[in-house]
Amino acid sequence: MRAKMLKAVIMELEAKEAKAQATIELYLDKAVAIADHSEILDEITKWANYGAEARDAKEYLLAEFGDGV
């Protein structure tokens, strides 16, 4: 049960990280498609923090409890 729960959390964090990466790539590669350019840098920073938080949490969980995954 422990391994399944940890695996589920890791997968959720990986999905959050992938979502952040995809969003940042969209902002960087397709900036003309974004209506409000005035907030684009703030949005990139927001999504970078979101992805970094997910990555940090995943790395922490794997380092501390990853022996069963």
C-alpha atoms as a PDB file:
ATOM      1  CA  MET A   1       0.000   0.000   0.000  1.00  0.00           C
ATOM      2  CA  ARG A   2       2.827   2.378   0.898  1.00  0.00           C
ATOM      3  CA  ALA A   3       4.556   1.908  -2.469  1.00  0.00           C
ATOM      4  CA  LYS A   4       1.304   2.481  -4.378  1.00  0.00           C
ATOM      5  CA  MET A   5       0.577   5.691  -2.502  1.00  0.00           C
ATOM      6  CA  LEU A   6       4.100   6.981  -3.035  1.00  0.00           C
ATOM      7  CA  LYS A   7       3.996   6.064  -6.714  1.00  0.00           C
ATOM      8  CA  ALA A   8       0.680   7.910  -7.119  1.00  0.00           C
ATOM      9  CA  VAL A   9       2.089  11.052  -5.497  1.00  0.00           C
ATOM     10  CA  ILE A  10       5.249  10.875  -7.626  1.00  0.00           C
ATOM     11  CA  MET A  11       3.149  10.537 -10.775  1.00  0.00           C
ATOM     12  CA  GLU A  12       1.023  13.525  -9.757  1.00  0.00           C
ATOM     13  CA  LEU A  13       4.140  15.623  -9.165  1.00  0.00           C
ATOM     14  CA  GLU A  14       5.578  14.556 -12.526  1.00  0.00           C
ATOM     15  CA  ALA A  15       2.342  15.650 -14.191  1.00  0.00           C
ATOM     16  CA  LYS A  16       2.549  19.047 -12.503  1.00  0.00           C
ATOM     17  CA  GLU A  17       6.143  19.420 -13.642  1.00  0.00           C
ATOM     18  CA  ALA A  18       5.193  18.487 -17.219  1.00  0.00           C
ATOM     19  CA  LYS A  19       2.286  20.951 -17.155  1.00  0.00           C
ATOM     20  CA  ALA A  20       4.610  23.737 -16.055  1.00  0.00           C
ATOM     21  CA  GLN A  21       7.125  22.880 -18.751  1.00  0.00           C
ATOM     22  CA  ALA A  22       4.474  22.778 -21.474  1.00  0.00           C
ATOM     23  CA  THR A  23       3.009  26.091 -20.357  1.00  0.00           C
ATOM     24  CA  ILE A  24       6.394  27.815 -20.281  1.00  0.00           C
ATOM     25  CA  GLU A  25       7.229  26.417 -23.722  1.00  0.00           C
ATOM     26  CA  LEU A  26       3.940  27.810 -25.005  1.00  0.00           C
ATOM     27  CA  TYR A  27       4.740  31.243 -23.606  1.00  0.00           C
ATOM     28  CA  LEU A  28       8.268  31.196 -25.025  1.00  0.00           C
ATOM     29  CA  ASP A  29       7.499  29.705 -28.429  1.00  0.00           C
ATOM     30  CA  LYS A  30       4.039  31.097 -29.153  1.00  0.00           C
ATOM     31  CA  ALA A  31       4.059  34.449 -27.406  1.00  0.00           C
ATOM     32  CA  VAL A  32       2.023  36.022 -30.214  1.00  0.00           C
ATOM     33  CA  ALA A  33      -0.849  33.702 -29.311  1.00  0.00           C
ATOM     34  CA  ILE A  34      -1.020  35.176 -25.815  1.00  0.00           C
ATOM     35  CA  ALA A  35      -3.461  38.081 -25.637  1.00  0.00           C
ATOM     36  CA  ASP A  36      -1.988  39.958 -22.667  1.00  0.00           C
ATOM     37  CA  HIS A  37       1.765  40.357 -23.161  1.00  0.00           C
ATOM     38  CA  SER A  38       2.188  42.654 -20.175  1.00  0.00           C
ATOM     39  CA  GLU A  39       1.987  39.760 -17.722  1.00  0.00           C
ATOM     40  CA  ILE A  40       3.951  37.148 -19.673  1.00  0.00           C
ATOM     41  CA  LEU A  41       7.140  37.406 -17.595  1.00  0.00           C
ATOM     42  CA  ASP A  42       5.162  37.090 -14.390  1.00  0.00           C
ATOM     43  CA  GLU A  43       3.364  34.060 -15.804  1.00  0.00           C
ATOM     44  CA  ILE A  44       6.627  32.388 -16.802  1.00  0.00           C
ATOM     45  CA  THR A  45       7.974  32.983 -13.298  1.00  0.00           C
ATOM     46  CA  LYS A  46       4.773  31.640 -11.745  1.00  0.00           C
ATOM     47  CA  TRP A  47       4.904  28.446 -13.822  1.00  0.00           C
ATOM     48  CA  ALA A  48       8.640  28.024 -13.195  1.00  0.00           C
ATOM     49  CA  ASN A  49       7.967  28.136  -9.468  1.00  0.00           C
ATOM     50  CA  TYR A  50       5.095  25.665  -9.862  1.00  0.00           C
ATOM     51  CA  GLY A  51       7.328  23.227 -11.753  1.00  0.00           C
ATOM     52  CA  ALA A  52      10.262  23.698  -9.391  1.00  0.00           C
ATOM     53  CA  GLU A  53       8.066  23.061  -6.364  1.00  0.00           C
ATOM     54  CA  ALA A  54       6.785  19.835  -7.894  1.00  0.00           C
ATOM     55  CA  ARG A  55      10.319  18.737  -8.833  1.00  0.00           C
ATOM     56  CA  ASP A  56      11.650  19.540  -5.361  1.00  0.00           C
ATOM     57  CA  ALA A  57       8.839  17.618  -3.698  1.00  0.00           C
ATOM     58  CA  LYS A  58       9.377  14.623  -5.992  1.00  0.00           C
ATOM     59  CA  GLU A  59      13.131  14.603  -5.368  1.00  0.00           C
ATOM     60  CA  TYR A  60      12.581  14.856  -1.633  1.00  0.00           C
ATOM     61  CA  LEU A  61      10.092  12.004  -1.548  1.00  0.00           C
ATOM     62  CA  LEU A  62      12.319   9.785  -3.677  1.00  0.00           C
ATOM     63  CA  ALA A  63      15.370  10.536  -1.524  1.00  0.00           C
ATOM     64  CA  GLU A  64      13.570   9.908   1.758  1.00  0.00           C
ATOM     65  CA  PHE A  65      11.088   7.165   0.859  1.00  0.00           C
ATOM     66  CA  GLY A  66      11.979   6.008  -2.644  1.00  0.00           C
ATOM     67  CA  ASP A  67      13.332   2.613  -1.685  1.00  0.00           C
ATOM     68  CA  GLY A  68       9.910   1.088  -2.263  1.00  0.00           C
ATOM     69  CA  VAL A  69       9.052   2.694  -5.582  1.00  0.00           C
END
